[in-house]
Amino acid sequence: MKPLAGIVIAMGIELWAQTVPQQPVFAKVPQKARLKCNPLAGERTAVPAGGKLFRQHCAECHGKDAEGTKKAPMLAGGEMVDATPGEIFWVLTNGVVRKGMPEWSRLPPAQRWQIVAFLESLNRP
């Protein structure tokens, strides 16, 4: 009987966790990071280079065109539309470990900014 009680409790916790509002991904980004501008903004090679890097490092989870998968959310639309370059860079650098996204701080900053440029290009009108 005790194993059944454990299963029931675990299921209850899981259901509760699904009903608790999720904190937006960008909520923990420090103000100083939010204000950073992309040093590669306007550089015409940044977006295609970022797309190539995205497909190499991010597409497995986020989809080839950032459309999202069962593993990770879509990055074209939603919160991304209003995200600043600094917020995107910070999340890319630090990851969202609790949600399974690794940190990408091992990529050189220029490559991370190229990925930011690519993601911004998906969210421009």
PDB file of N, CA and C in Angstrom:
ATOM      1  N   MET A   1       0.808  -1.190   0.000  1.00  0.00           N
ATOM      2  CA  MET A   1       0.000   0.000   0.000  1.00  0.00           C
ATOM      3  C   MET A   1       0.859   1.264   0.000  1.00  0.00           C
ATOM      4  N   LYS A   2       2.016   1.238   0.691  1.00  0.00           N
ATOM      5  CA  LYS A   2       2.861   2.415   0.753  1.00  0.00           C
ATOM      6  C   LYS A   2       3.395   2.837  -0.618  1.00  0.00           C
ATOM      7  N   PRO A   3       3.817   1.907  -1.489  1.00  0.00           N
ATOM      8  CA  PRO A   3       4.273   2.350  -2.813  1.00  0.00           C
ATOM      9  C   PRO A   3       3.185   3.094  -3.581  1.00  0.00           C
ATOM     10  N   LEU A   4       1.950   2.665  -3.446  1.00  0.00           N
ATOM     11  CA  LEU A   4       0.843   3.335  -4.124  1.00  0.00           C
ATOM     12  C   LEU A   4       0.678   4.761  -3.592  1.00  0.00           C
ATOM     13  N   ALA A   5       0.802   4.941  -2.300  1.00  0.00           N
ATOM     14  CA  ALA A   5       0.689   6.274  -1.706  1.00  0.00           C
ATOM     15  C   ALA A   5       1.790   7.184  -2.248  1.00  0.00           C
ATOM     16  N   GLY A   6       2.995   6.669  -2.395  1.00  0.00           N
ATOM     17  CA  GLY A   6       4.103   7.450  -2.950  1.00  0.00           C
ATOM     18  C   GLY A   6       3.826   7.886  -4.379  1.00  0.00           C
ATOM     19  N   ILE A   7       3.247   6.993  -5.151  1.00  0.00           N
ATOM     20  CA  ILE A   7       2.912   7.314  -6.546  1.00  0.00           C
ATOM     21  C   ILE A   7       1.845   8.407  -6.584  1.00  0.00           C
ATOM     22  N   VAL A   8       0.840   8.283  -5.727  1.00  0.00           N
ATOM     23  CA  VAL A   8      -0.235   9.275  -5.686  1.00  0.00           C
ATOM     24  C   VAL A   8       0.324  10.641  -5.289  1.00  0.00           C
ATOM     25  N   ILE A   9       1.201  10.669  -4.302  1.00  0.00           N
ATOM     26  CA  ILE A   9       1.812  11.933  -3.869  1.00  0.00           C
ATOM     27  C   ILE A   9       2.646  12.528  -5.001  1.00  0.00           C
ATOM     28  N   ALA A  10       3.445  11.700  -5.666  1.00  0.00           N
ATOM     29  CA  ALA A  10       4.279  12.187  -6.770  1.00  0.00           C
ATOM     30  C   ALA A  10       3.419  12.753  -7.893  1.00  0.00           C
ATOM     31  N   MET A  11       2.306  12.079  -8.192  1.00  0.00           N
ATOM     32  CA  MET A  11       1.416  12.584  -9.238  1.00  0.00           C
ATOM     33  C   MET A  11       0.787  13.912  -8.827  1.00  0.00           C
ATOM     34  N   GLY A  12       0.431  14.030  -7.559  1.00  0.00           N
ATOM     35  CA  GLY A  12      -0.140  15.284  -7.066  1.00  0.00           C
ATOM     36  C   GLY A  12       0.852  16.428  -7.169  1.00  0.00           C
ATOM     37  N   ILE A  13       2.106  16.176  -6.819  1.00  0.00           N
ATOM     38  CA  ILE A  13       3.148  17.210  -6.918  1.00  0.00           C
ATOM     39  C   ILE A  13       3.345  17.620  -8.370  1.00  0.00           C
ATOM     40  N   GLU A  14       3.363  16.654  -9.267  1.00  0.00           N
ATOM     41  CA  GLU A  14       3.532  16.951 -10.691  1.00  0.00           C
ATOM     42  C   GLU A  14       2.376  17.803 -11.208  1.00  0.00           C
ATOM     43  N   LEU A  15       1.155  17.461 -10.844  1.00  0.00           N
ATOM     44  CA  LEU A  15      -0.007  18.254 -11.276  1.00  0.00           C
ATOM     45  C   LEU A  15       0.052  19.660 -10.699  1.00  0.00           C
ATOM     46  N   TRP A  16       0.451  19.786  -9.445  1.00  0.00           N
ATOM     47  CA  TRP A  16       0.581  21.106  -8.815  1.00  0.00           C
ATOM     48  C   TRP A  16       1.637  21.935  -9.553  1.00  0.00           C
ATOM     49  N   ALA A  17       2.771  21.314  -9.881  1.00  0.00           N
ATOM     50  CA  ALA A  17       3.845  22.031 -10.568  1.00  0.00           C
ATOM     51  C   ALA A  17       3.379  22.542 -11.930  1.00  0.00           C
ATOM     52  N   GLN A  18       2.489  21.807 -12.576  1.00  0.00           N
ATOM     53  CA  GLN A  18       1.994  22.237 -13.881  1.00  0.00           C
ATOM     54  C   GLN A  18       1.032  23.413 -13.770  1.00  0.00           C
ATOM     55  N   THR A  19       0.402  23.591 -12.614  1.00  0.00           N
ATOM     56  CA  THR A  19      -0.556  24.680 -12.463  1.00  0.00           C
ATOM     57  C   THR A  19       0.080  25.952 -11.917  1.00  0.00           C
ATOM     58  N   VAL A  20       1.279  25.845 -11.359  1.00  0.00           N
ATOM     59  CA  VAL A  20       1.980  27.019 -10.842  1.00  0.00           C
ATOM     60  C   VAL A  20       2.507  27.805 -12.030  1.00  0.00           C
ATOM     61  N   PRO A  21       2.254  29.115 -12.101  1.00  0.00           N
ATOM     62  CA  PRO A  21       2.734  29.897 -13.229  1.00  0.00           C
ATOM     63  C   PRO A  21       4.255  29.814 -13.341  1.00  0.00           C
ATOM     64  N   GLN A  22       4.717  29.607 -14.547  1.00  0.00           N
ATOM     65  CA  GLN A  22       6.151  29.528 -14.791  1.00  0.00           C
ATOM     66  C   GLN A  22       6.743  30.922 -14.869  1.00  0.00           C
ATOM     67  N   GLN A  23       7.919  31.094 -14.288  1.00  0.00           N
ATOM     68  CA  GLN A  23       8.596  32.376 -14.339  1.00  0.00           C
ATOM     69  C   GLN A  23       9.146  32.568 -15.753  1.00  0.00           C
ATOM     70  N   PRO A  24       8.937  33.738 -16.343  1.00  0.00           N
ATOM     71  CA  PRO A  24       9.479  33.968 -17.681  1.00  0.00           C
ATOM     72  C   PRO A  24      10.991  33.750 -17.711  1.00  0.00           C
ATOM     73  N   VAL A  25      11.483  33.258 -18.815  1.00  0.00           N
ATOM     74  CA  VAL A  25      12.905  32.931 -18.964  1.00  0.00           C
ATOM     75  C   VAL A  25      13.790  34.153 -18.699  1.00  0.00           C
ATOM     76  N   PHE A  26      13.333  35.321 -19.096  1.00  0.00           N
ATOM     77  CA  PHE A  26      14.173  36.511 -18.974  1.00  0.00           C
ATOM     78  C   PHE A  26      14.056  37.211 -17.620  1.00  0.00           C
ATOM     79  N   ALA A  27      13.257  36.675 -16.714  1.00  0.00           N
ATOM     80  CA  ALA A  27      13.013  37.334 -15.427  1.00  0.00           C
ATOM     81  C   ALA A  27      14.268  37.452 -14.565  1.00  0.00           C
ATOM     82  N   LYS A  28      15.184  36.515 -14.680  1.00  0.00           N
ATOM     83  CA  LYS A  28      16.380  36.523 -13.828  1.00  0.00           C
ATOM     84  C   LYS A  28      17.559  37.287 -14.427  1.00  0.00           C
ATOM     85  N   VAL A  29      17.383  37.832 -15.609  1.00  0.00           N
ATOM     86  CA  VAL A  29      18.488  38.552 -16.260  1.00  0.00           C
ATOM     87  C   VAL A  29      18.761  39.847 -15.494  1.00  0.00           C
ATOM     88  N   PRO A  30      20.014  40.050 -15.067  1.00  0.00           N
ATOM     89  CA  PRO A  30      20.356  41.291 -14.357  1.00  0.00           C
ATOM     90  C   PRO A  30      20.151  42.523 -15.239  1.00  0.00           C
ATOM     91  N   GLN A  31      19.792  43.635 -14.631  1.00  0.00           N
ATOM     92  CA  GLN A  31      19.518  44.870 -15.373  1.00  0.00           C
ATOM     93  C   GLN A  31      20.701  45.271 -16.247  1.00  0.00           C
ATOM     94  N   LYS A  32      21.901  45.151 -15.722  1.00  0.00           N
ATOM     95  CA  LYS A  32      23.106  45.528 -16.476  1.00  0.00           C
ATOM     96  C   LYS A  32      23.207  44.717 -17.780  1.00  0.00           C
ATOM     97  N   ALA A  33      22.872  43.438 -17.704  1.00  0.00           N
ATOM     98  CA  ALA A  33      22.926  42.577 -18.895  1.00  0.00           C
ATOM     99  C   ALA A  33      21.827  42.942 -19.888  1.00  0.00           C
ATOM    100  N   ARG A  34      20.645  43.312 -19.386  1.00  0.00           N
ATOM    101  CA  ARG A  34      19.524  43.678 -20.259  1.00  0.00           C
ATOM    102  C   ARG A  34      19.877  44.838 -21.193  1.00  0.00           C
ATOM    103  N   LEU A  35      20.718  45.725 -20.710  1.00  0.00           N
ATOM    104  CA  LEU A  35      21.029  46.950 -21.445  1.00  0.00           C
ATOM    105  C   LEU A  35      22.119  46.779 -22.503  1.00  0.00           C
ATOM    106  N   LYS A  36      22.772  45.625 -22.532  1.00  0.00           N
ATOM    107  CA  LYS A  36      23.848  45.412 -23.508  1.00  0.00           C
ATOM    108  C   LYS A  36      23.293  45.403 -24.929  1.00  0.00           C
ATOM    109  N   CYS A  37      24.027  46.023 -25.806  1.00  0.00           N
ATOM    110  CA  CYS A  37      23.677  46.037 -27.229  1.00  0.00           C
ATOM    111  C   CYS A  37      24.544  45.019 -27.966  1.00  0.00           C
ATOM    112  N   ASN A  38      24.021  44.516 -29.054  1.00  0.00           N
ATOM    113  CA  ASN A  38      24.773  43.560 -29.864  1.00  0.00           C
ATOM    114  C   ASN A  38      25.836  44.325 -30.647  1.00  0.00           C
ATOM    115  N   PRO A  39      27.111  44.063 -30.377  1.00  0.00           N
ATOM    116  CA  PRO A  39      28.168  44.762 -31.102  1.00  0.00           C
ATOM    117  C   PRO A  39      28.199  44.404 -32.585  1.00  0.00           C
ATOM    118  N   LEU A  40      27.512  43.341 -32.968  1.00  0.00           N
ATOM    119  CA  LEU A  40      27.472  42.922 -34.372  1.00  0.00           C
ATOM    120  C   LEU A  40      26.198  43.366 -35.083  1.00  0.00           C
ATOM    121  N   ALA A  41      25.366  44.130 -34.400  1.00  0.00           N
ATOM    122  CA  ALA A  41      24.118  44.614 -35.013  1.00  0.00           C
ATOM    123  C   ALA A  41      24.448  45.398 -36.282  1.00  0.00           C
ATOM    124  N   GLY A  42      23.750  45.101 -37.342  1.00  0.00           N
ATOM    125  CA  GLY A  42      23.964  45.785 -38.610  1.00  0.00           C
ATOM    126  C   GLY A  42      25.051  45.164 -39.469  1.00  0.00           C
ATOM    127  N   GLU A  43      25.825  44.262 -38.911  1.00  0.00           N
ATOM    128  CA  GLU A  43      26.860  43.578 -39.703  1.00  0.00           C
ATOM    129  C   GLU A  43      26.154  42.507 -40.537  1.00  0.00           C
ATOM    130  N   ARG A  44      26.240  42.614 -41.850  1.00  0.00           N
ATOM    131  CA  ARG A  44      25.401  41.756 -42.697  1.00  0.00           C
ATOM    132  C   ARG A  44      25.761  40.276 -42.645  1.00  0.00           C
ATOM    133  N   THR A  45      26.954  39.929 -42.189  1.00  0.00           N
ATOM    134  CA  THR A  45      27.320  38.513 -42.097  1.00  0.00           C
ATOM    135  C   THR A  45      26.900  37.880 -40.772  1.00  0.00           C
ATOM    136  N   ALA A  46      26.472  38.708 -39.818  1.00  0.00           N
ATOM    137  CA  ALA A  46      26.152  38.188 -38.478  1.00  0.00           C
ATOM    138  C   ALA A  46      24.944  37.243 -38.497  1.00  0.00           C
ATOM    139  N   VAL A  47      23.888  37.598 -39.211  1.00  0.00           N
ATOM    140  CA  VAL A  47      22.677  36.770 -39.214  1.00  0.00           C
ATOM    141  C   VAL A  47      22.927  35.411 -39.859  1.00  0.00           C
ATOM    142  N   PRO A  48      23.516  35.344 -41.068  1.00  0.00           N
ATOM    143  CA  PRO A  48      23.752  34.010 -41.643  1.00  0.00           C
ATOM    144  C   PRO A  48      24.742  33.178 -40.817  1.00  0.00           C
ATOM    145  N   ALA A  49      25.754  33.829 -40.253  1.00  0.00           N
ATOM    146  CA  ALA A  49      26.716  33.106 -39.410  1.00  0.00           C
ATOM    147  C   ALA A  49      26.009  32.595 -38.154  1.00  0.00           C
ATOM    148  N   GLY A  50      25.141  33.430 -37.583  1.00  0.00           N
ATOM    149  CA  GLY A  50      24.378  33.013 -36.408  1.00  0.00           C
ATOM    150  C   GLY A  50      23.430  31.876 -36.716  1.00  0.00           C
ATOM    151  N   GLY A  51      22.832  31.891 -37.904  1.00  0.00           N
ATOM    152  CA  GLY A  51      21.946  30.793 -38.314  1.00  0.00           C
ATOM    153  C   GLY A  51      22.699  29.486 -38.414  1.00  0.00           C
ATOM    154  N   LYS A  52      23.886  29.555 -38.947  1.00  0.00           N
ATOM    155  CA  LYS A  52      24.713  28.344 -39.062  1.00  0.00           C
ATOM    156  C   LYS A  52      25.078  27.817 -37.672  1.00  0.00           C
ATOM    157  N   LEU A  53      25.483  28.717 -36.782  1.00  0.00           N
ATOM    158  CA  LEU A  53      25.807  28.314 -35.412  1.00  0.00           C
ATOM    159  C   LEU A  53      24.577  27.778 -34.688  1.00  0.00           C
ATOM    160  N   PHE A  54      23.430  28.413 -34.903  1.00  0.00           N
ATOM    161  CA  PHE A  54      22.187  27.946 -34.291  1.00  0.00           C
ATOM    162  C   PHE A  54      21.899  26.511 -34.711  1.00  0.00           C
ATOM    163  N   ARG A  55      22.017  26.230 -36.001  1.00  0.00           N
ATOM    164  CA  ARG A  55      21.745  24.869 -36.486  1.00  0.00           C
ATOM    165  C   ARG A  55      22.737  23.862 -35.914  1.00  0.00           C
ATOM    166  N   GLN A  56      23.981  24.291 -35.676  1.00  0.00           N
ATOM    167  CA  GLN A  56      24.993  23.392 -35.108  1.00  0.00           C
ATOM    168  C   GLN A  56      24.756  23.119 -33.624  1.00  0.00           C
ATOM    169  N   HIS A  57      24.377  24.144 -32.871  1.00  0.00           N
ATOM    170  CA  HIS A  57      24.353  24.034 -31.418  1.00  0.00           C
ATOM    171  C   HIS A  57      22.959  24.015 -30.789  1.00  0.00           C
ATOM    172  N   CYS A  58      21.964  24.559 -31.450  1.00  0.00           N
ATOM    173  CA  CYS A  58      20.658  24.772 -30.814  1.00  0.00           C
ATOM    174  C   CYS A  58      19.514  24.010 -31.471  1.00  0.00           C
ATOM    175  N   ALA A  59      19.655  23.702 -32.752  1.00  0.00           N
ATOM    176  CA  ALA A  59      18.540  23.132 -33.517  1.00  0.00           C
ATOM    177  C   ALA A  59      18.099  21.768 -33.013  1.00  0.00           C
ATOM    178  N   GLU A  60      19.000  21.011 -32.418  1.00  0.00           N
ATOM    179  CA  GLU A  60      18.626  19.693 -31.915  1.00  0.00           C
ATOM    180  C   GLU A  60      17.453  19.795 -30.938  1.00  0.00           C
ATOM    181  N   CYS A  61      17.455  20.835 -30.135  1.00  0.00           N
ATOM    182  CA  CYS A  61      16.370  21.009 -29.159  1.00  0.00           C
ATOM    183  C   CYS A  61      15.298  21.990 -29.633  1.00  0.00           C
ATOM    184  N   HIS A  62      15.703  23.098 -30.254  1.00  0.00           N
ATOM    185  CA  HIS A  62      14.758  24.159 -30.608  1.00  0.00           C
ATOM    186  C   HIS A  62      14.205  24.038 -32.022  1.00  0.00           C
ATOM    187  N   GLY A  63      14.700  23.080 -32.795  1.00  0.00           N
ATOM    188  CA  GLY A  63      14.247  22.919 -34.172  1.00  0.00           C
ATOM    189  C   GLY A  63      15.119  23.696 -35.140  1.00  0.00           C
ATOM    190  N   LYS A  64      15.212  23.205 -36.360  1.00  0.00           N
ATOM    191  CA  LYS A  64      16.092  23.794 -37.384  1.00  0.00           C
ATOM    192  C   LYS A  64      15.816  25.271 -37.623  1.00  0.00           C
ATOM    193  N   ASP A  65      14.547  25.648 -37.593  1.00  0.00           N
ATOM    194  CA  ASP A  65      14.163  27.041 -37.830  1.00  0.00           C
ATOM    195  C   ASP A  65      13.631  27.709 -36.564  1.00  0.00           C
ATOM    196  N   ALA A  66      14.065  27.202 -35.399  1.00  0.00           N
ATOM    197  CA  ALA A  66      13.672  27.745 -34.095  1.00  0.00           C
ATOM    198  C   ALA A  66      12.172  27.632 -33.860  1.00  0.00           C
ATOM    199  N   GLU A  67      11.541  26.645 -34.511  1.00  0.00           N
ATOM    200  CA  GLU A  67      10.090  26.477 -34.405  1.00  0.00           C
ATOM    201  C   GLU A  67       9.666  25.753 -33.132  1.00  0.00           C
ATOM    202  N   GLY A  68      10.634  25.257 -32.375  1.00  0.00           N
ATOM    203  CA  GLY A  68      10.342  24.545 -31.141  1.00  0.00           C
ATOM    204  C   GLY A  68      10.124  23.065 -31.375  1.00  0.00           C
ATOM    205  N   THR A  69      10.345  22.295 -30.338  1.00  0.00           N
ATOM    206  CA  THR A  69      10.162  20.843 -30.379  1.00  0.00           C
ATOM    207  C   THR A  69       9.602  20.419 -29.024  1.00  0.00           C
ATOM    208  N   LYS A  70       9.482  19.118 -28.835  1.00  0.00           N
ATOM    209  CA  LYS A  70       9.051  18.612 -27.532  1.00  0.00           C
ATOM    210  C   LYS A  70      10.104  18.906 -26.460  1.00  0.00           C
ATOM    211  N   LYS A  71      11.357  19.046 -26.884  1.00  0.00           N
ATOM    212  CA  LYS A  71      12.450  19.284 -25.931  1.00  0.00           C
ATOM    213  C   LYS A  71      12.557  20.737 -25.481  1.00  0.00           C
ATOM    214  N   ALA A  72      12.257  21.666 -26.363  1.00  0.00           N
ATOM    215  CA  ALA A  72      12.508  23.079 -26.055  1.00  0.00           C
ATOM    216  C   ALA A  72      11.521  23.973 -26.811  1.00  0.00           C
ATOM    217  N   PRO A  73      11.283  25.175 -26.275  1.00  0.00           N
ATOM    218  CA  PRO A  73      10.283  26.064 -26.868  1.00  0.00           C
ATOM    219  C   PRO A  73      10.726  26.702 -28.181  1.00  0.00           C
ATOM    220  N   MET A  74       9.733  27.211 -28.879  1.00  0.00           N
ATOM    221  CA  MET A  74       9.982  27.962 -30.104  1.00  0.00           C
ATOM    222  C   MET A  74      10.667  29.283 -29.722  1.00  0.00           C
ATOM    223  N   LEU A  75      11.548  29.725 -30.578  1.00  0.00           N
ATOM    224  CA  LEU A  75      12.277  30.971 -30.329  1.00  0.00           C
ATOM    225  C   LEU A  75      11.900  32.059 -31.325  1.00  0.00           C
ATOM    226  N   ALA A  76      10.923  31.785 -32.144  1.00  0.00           N
ATOM    227  CA  ALA A  76      10.391  32.780 -33.071  1.00  0.00           C
ATOM    228  C   ALA A  76       9.007  33.139 -32.557  1.00  0.00           C
ATOM    229  N   GLY A  77       8.906  34.276 -31.883  1.00  0.00           N
ATOM    230  CA  GLY A  77       7.645  34.692 -31.296  1.00  0.00           C
ATOM    231  C   GLY A  77       7.691  34.617 -29.784  1.00  0.00           C
ATOM    232  N   GLY A  78       6.551  34.770 -29.163  1.00  0.00           N
ATOM    233  CA  GLY A  78       6.455  34.695 -27.710  1.00  0.00           C
ATOM    234  C   GLY A  78       7.317  35.737 -27.016  1.00  0.00           C
ATOM    235  N   GLU A  79       7.965  35.331 -25.945  1.00  0.00           N
ATOM    236  CA  GLU A  79       8.827  36.223 -25.159  1.00  0.00           C
ATOM    237  C   GLU A  79       9.958  36.829 -25.996  1.00  0.00           C
ATOM    238  N   MET A  80      10.365  36.116 -27.009  1.00  0.00           N
ATOM    239  CA  MET A  80      11.514  36.554 -27.805  1.00  0.00           C
ATOM    240  C   MET A  80      11.249  37.866 -28.540  1.00  0.00           C
ATOM    241  N   VAL A  81      10.015  38.141 -28.866  1.00  0.00           N
ATOM    242  CA  VAL A  81       9.682  39.355 -29.609  1.00  0.00           C
ATOM    243  C   VAL A  81      10.101  40.603 -28.835  1.00  0.00           C
ATOM    244  N   ASP A  82       9.893  40.584 -27.530  1.00  0.00           N
ATOM    245  CA  ASP A  82      10.200  41.750 -26.700  1.00  0.00           C
ATOM    246  C   ASP A  82      11.555  41.676 -26.013  1.00  0.00           C
ATOM    247  N   ALA A  83      12.282  40.581 -26.194  1.00  0.00           N
ATOM    248  CA  ALA A  83      13.575  40.418 -25.517  1.00  0.00           C
ATOM    249  C   ALA A  83      14.625  41.359 -26.106  1.00  0.00           C
ATOM    250  N   THR A  84      15.457  41.901 -25.236  1.00  0.00           N
ATOM    251  CA  THR A  84      16.556  42.747 -25.702  1.00  0.00           C
ATOM    252  C   THR A  84      17.713  41.848 -26.126  1.00  0.00           C
ATOM    253  N   PRO A  85      18.625  42.364 -26.958  1.00  0.00           N
ATOM    254  CA  PRO A  85      19.799  41.570 -27.314  1.00  0.00           C
ATOM    255  C   PRO A  85      20.573  41.116 -26.072  1.00  0.00           C
ATOM    256  N   GLY A  86      20.680  41.993 -25.091  1.00  0.00           N
ATOM    257  CA  GLY A  86      21.403  41.652 -23.869  1.00  0.00           C
ATOM    258  C   GLY A  86      20.748  40.517 -23.103  1.00  0.00           C
ATOM    259  N   GLU A  87      19.420  40.496 -23.065  1.00  0.00           N
ATOM    260  CA  GLU A  87      18.714  39.407 -22.383  1.00  0.00           C
ATOM    261  C   GLU A  87      18.972  38.074 -23.089  1.00  0.00           C
ATOM    262  N   ILE A  88      18.876  38.092 -24.407  1.00  0.00           N
ATOM    263  CA  ILE A  88      19.095  36.861 -25.173  1.00  0.00           C
ATOM    264  C   ILE A  88      20.526  36.378 -24.972  1.00  0.00           C
ATOM    265  N   PHE A  89      21.488  37.302 -25.035  1.00  0.00           N
ATOM    266  CA  PHE A  89      22.892  36.946 -24.858  1.00  0.00           C
ATOM    267  C   PHE A  89      23.119  36.338 -23.473  1.00  0.00           C
ATOM    268  N   TRP A  90      22.520  36.944 -22.440  1.00  0.00           N
ATOM    269  CA  TRP A  90      22.697  36.466 -21.076  1.00  0.00           C
ATOM    270  C   TRP A  90      22.148  35.050 -20.919  1.00  0.00           C
ATOM    271  N   VAL A  91      20.947  34.802 -21.449  1.00  0.00           N
ATOM    272  CA  VAL A  91      20.352  33.464 -21.337  1.00  0.00           C
ATOM    273  C   VAL A  91      21.170  32.462 -22.135  1.00  0.00           C
ATOM    274  N   LEU A  92      21.623  32.834 -23.297  1.00  0.00           N
ATOM    275  CA  LEU A  92      22.462  31.960 -24.104  1.00  0.00           C
ATOM    276  C   LEU A  92      23.753  31.620 -23.353  1.00  0.00           C
ATOM    277  N   THR A  93      24.342  32.605 -22.729  1.00  0.00           N
ATOM    278  CA  THR A  93      25.596  32.413 -21.999  1.00  0.00           C
ATOM    279  C   THR A  93      25.405  31.542 -20.759  1.00  0.00           C
ATOM    280  N   ASN A  94      24.336  31.796 -20.004  1.00  0.00           N
ATOM    281  CA  ASN A  94      24.133  31.136 -18.713  1.00  0.00           C
ATOM    282  C   ASN A  94      23.223  29.913 -18.754  1.00  0.00           C
ATOM    283  N   GLY A  95      22.478  29.766 -19.836  1.00  0.00           N
ATOM    284  CA  GLY A  95      21.565  28.640 -19.951  1.00  0.00           C
ATOM    285  C   GLY A  95      20.349  28.786 -19.047  1.00  0.00           C
ATOM    286  N   VAL A  96      19.501  27.800 -19.128  1.00  0.00           N
ATOM    287  CA  VAL A  96      18.338  27.695 -18.248  1.00  0.00           C
ATOM    288  C   VAL A  96      18.370  26.246 -17.753  1.00  0.00           C
ATOM    289  N   VAL A  97      19.303  25.992 -16.863  1.00  0.00           N
ATOM    290  CA  VAL A  97      19.632  24.630 -16.444  1.00  0.00           C
ATOM    291  C   VAL A  97      18.419  23.876 -15.909  1.00  0.00           C
ATOM    292  N   ARG A  98      17.564  24.542 -15.149  1.00  0.00           N
ATOM    293  CA  ARG A  98      16.380  23.866 -14.583  1.00  0.00           C
ATOM    294  C   ARG A  98      15.417  23.389 -15.666  1.00  0.00           C
ATOM    295  N   LYS A  99      15.511  23.988 -16.848  1.00  0.00           N
ATOM    296  CA  LYS A  99      14.639  23.577 -17.948  1.00  0.00           C
ATOM    297  C   LYS A  99      15.404  22.753 -18.986  1.00  0.00           C
ATOM    298  N   GLY A 100      16.659  22.437 -18.682  1.00  0.00           N
ATOM    299  CA  GLY A 100      17.439  21.569 -19.555  1.00  0.00           C
ATOM    300  C   GLY A 100      18.299  22.267 -20.582  1.00  0.00           C
ATOM    301  N   MET A 101      18.330  23.601 -20.570  1.00  0.00           N
ATOM    302  CA  MET A 101      19.172  24.306 -21.545  1.00  0.00           C
ATOM    303  C   MET A 101      20.559  24.519 -20.950  1.00  0.00           C
ATOM    304  N   PRO A 102      21.587  23.991 -21.626  1.00  0.00           N
ATOM    305  CA  PRO A 102      22.946  24.175 -21.109  1.00  0.00           C
ATOM    306  C   PRO A 102      23.426  25.608 -21.314  1.00  0.00           C
ATOM    307  N   GLU A 103      24.433  25.972 -20.572  1.00  0.00           N
ATOM    308  CA  GLU A 103      25.058  27.279 -20.806  1.00  0.00           C
ATOM    309  C   GLU A 103      25.974  27.142 -22.011  1.00  0.00           C
ATOM    310  N   TRP A 104      26.083  28.211 -22.763  1.00  0.00           N
ATOM    311  CA  TRP A 104      26.921  28.206 -23.960  1.00  0.00           C
ATOM    312  C   TRP A 104      28.098  29.173 -23.813  1.00  0.00           C
ATOM    313  N   SER A 105      28.559  29.361 -22.588  1.00  0.00           N
ATOM    314  CA  SER A 105      29.655  30.290 -22.336  1.00  0.00           C
ATOM    315  C   SER A 105      30.962  29.835 -22.973  1.00  0.00           C
ATOM    316  N   ARG A 106      31.046  28.571 -23.349  1.00  0.00           N
ATOM    317  CA  ARG A 106      32.279  28.094 -23.997  1.00  0.00           C
ATOM    318  C   ARG A 106      32.405  28.601 -25.438  1.00  0.00           C
ATOM    319  N   LEU A 107      31.279  29.021 -26.029  1.00  0.00           N
ATOM    320  CA  LEU A 107      31.355  29.644 -27.358  1.00  0.00           C
ATOM    321  C   LEU A 107      31.947  31.037 -27.194  1.00  0.00           C
ATOM    322  N   PRO A 108      32.796  31.452 -28.102  1.00  0.00           N
ATOM    323  CA  PRO A 108      33.333  32.819 -28.012  1.00  0.00           C
ATOM    324  C   PRO A 108      32.194  33.845 -28.054  1.00  0.00           C
ATOM    325  N   PRO A 109      32.366  34.966 -27.361  1.00  0.00           N
ATOM    326  CA  PRO A 109      31.311  35.986 -27.336  1.00  0.00           C
ATOM    327  C   PRO A 109      30.826  36.391 -28.736  1.00  0.00           C
ATOM    328  N   ALA A 110      31.729  36.520 -29.682  1.00  0.00           N
ATOM    329  CA  ALA A 110      31.314  36.919 -31.037  1.00  0.00           C
ATOM    330  C   ALA A 110      30.330  35.915 -31.629  1.00  0.00           C
ATOM    331  N   GLN A 111      30.561  34.633 -31.390  1.00  0.00           N
ATOM    332  CA  GLN A 111      29.639  33.617 -31.910  1.00  0.00           C
ATOM    333  C   GLN A 111      28.295  33.675 -31.197  1.00  0.00           C
ATOM    334  N   ARG A 112      28.305  33.937 -29.887  1.00  0.00           N
ATOM    335  CA  ARG A 112      27.039  34.079 -29.171  1.00  0.00           C
ATOM    336  C   ARG A 112      26.267  35.283 -29.688  1.00  0.00           C
ATOM    337  N   TRP A 113      26.966  36.388 -29.982  1.00  0.00           N
ATOM    338  CA  TRP A 113      26.287  37.574 -30.528  1.00  0.00           C
ATOM    339  C   TRP A 113      25.744  37.287 -31.927  1.00  0.00           C
ATOM    340  N   GLN A 114      26.425  36.444 -32.697  1.00  0.00           N
ATOM    341  CA  GLN A 114      25.903  36.069 -34.017  1.00  0.00           C
ATOM    342  C   GLN A 114      24.601  35.288 -33.863  1.00  0.00           C
ATOM    343  N   ILE A 115      24.543  34.389 -32.882  1.00  0.00           N
ATOM    344  CA  ILE A 115      23.300  33.648 -32.634  1.00  0.00           C
ATOM    345  C   ILE A 115      22.199  34.616 -32.211  1.00  0.00           C
ATOM    346  N   VAL A 116      22.541  35.597 -31.381  1.00  0.00           N
ATOM    347  CA  VAL A 116      21.567  36.618 -30.979  1.00  0.00           C
ATOM    348  C   VAL A 116      21.045  37.343 -32.217  1.00  0.00           C
ATOM    349  N   ALA A 117      21.939  37.720 -33.136  1.00  0.00           N
ATOM    350  CA  ALA A 117      21.528  38.419 -34.359  1.00  0.00           C
ATOM    351  C   ALA A 117      20.560  37.558 -35.169  1.00  0.00           C
ATOM    352  N   PHE A 118      20.861  36.271 -35.266  1.00  0.00           N
ATOM    353  CA  PHE A 118      19.980  35.354 -35.987  1.00  0.00           C
ATOM    354  C   PHE A 118      18.605  35.294 -35.330  1.00  0.00           C
ATOM    355  N   LEU A 119      18.580  35.111 -34.005  1.00  0.00           N
ATOM    356  CA  LEU A 119      17.298  35.014 -33.301  1.00  0.00           C
ATOM    357  C   LEU A 119      16.506  36.311 -33.409  1.00  0.00           C
ATOM    358  N   GLU A 120      17.195  37.435 -33.343  1.00  0.00           N
ATOM    359  CA  GLU A 120      16.493  38.721 -33.505  1.00  0.00           C
ATOM    360  C   GLU A 120      15.892  38.836 -34.903  1.00  0.00           C
ATOM    361  N   SER A 121      16.593  38.316 -35.892  1.00  0.00           N
ATOM    362  CA  SER A 121      16.082  38.407 -37.274  1.00  0.00           C
ATOM    363  C   SER A 121      14.777  37.626 -37.425  1.00  0.00           C
ATOM    364  N   LEU A 122      14.589  36.600 -36.618  1.00  0.00           N
ATOM    365  CA  LEU A 122      13.355  35.804 -36.678  1.00  0.00           C
ATOM    366  C   LEU A 122      12.183  36.537 -36.047  1.00  0.00           C
ATOM    367  N   ASN A 123      12.486  37.514 -35.217  1.00  0.00           N
ATOM    368  CA  ASN A 123      11.444  38.195 -34.444  1.00  0.00           C
ATOM    369  C   ASN A 123      11.240  39.648 -34.841  1.00  0.00           C
ATOM    370  N   ARG A 124      11.789  40.044 -35.967  1.00  0.00           N
ATOM    371  CA  ARG A 124      11.555  41.393 -36.479  1.00  0.00           C
ATOM    372  C   ARG A 124      10.339  41.388 -37.381  1.00  0.00           C
ATOM    373  N   PRO A 125       9.574  42.481 -37.375  1.00  0.00           N
ATOM    374  CA  PRO A 125       8.418  42.543 -38.279  1.00  0.00           C
ATOM    375  C   PRO A 125       8.844  42.607 -39.737  1.00  0.00           C
TER     376      PRO A 125
END
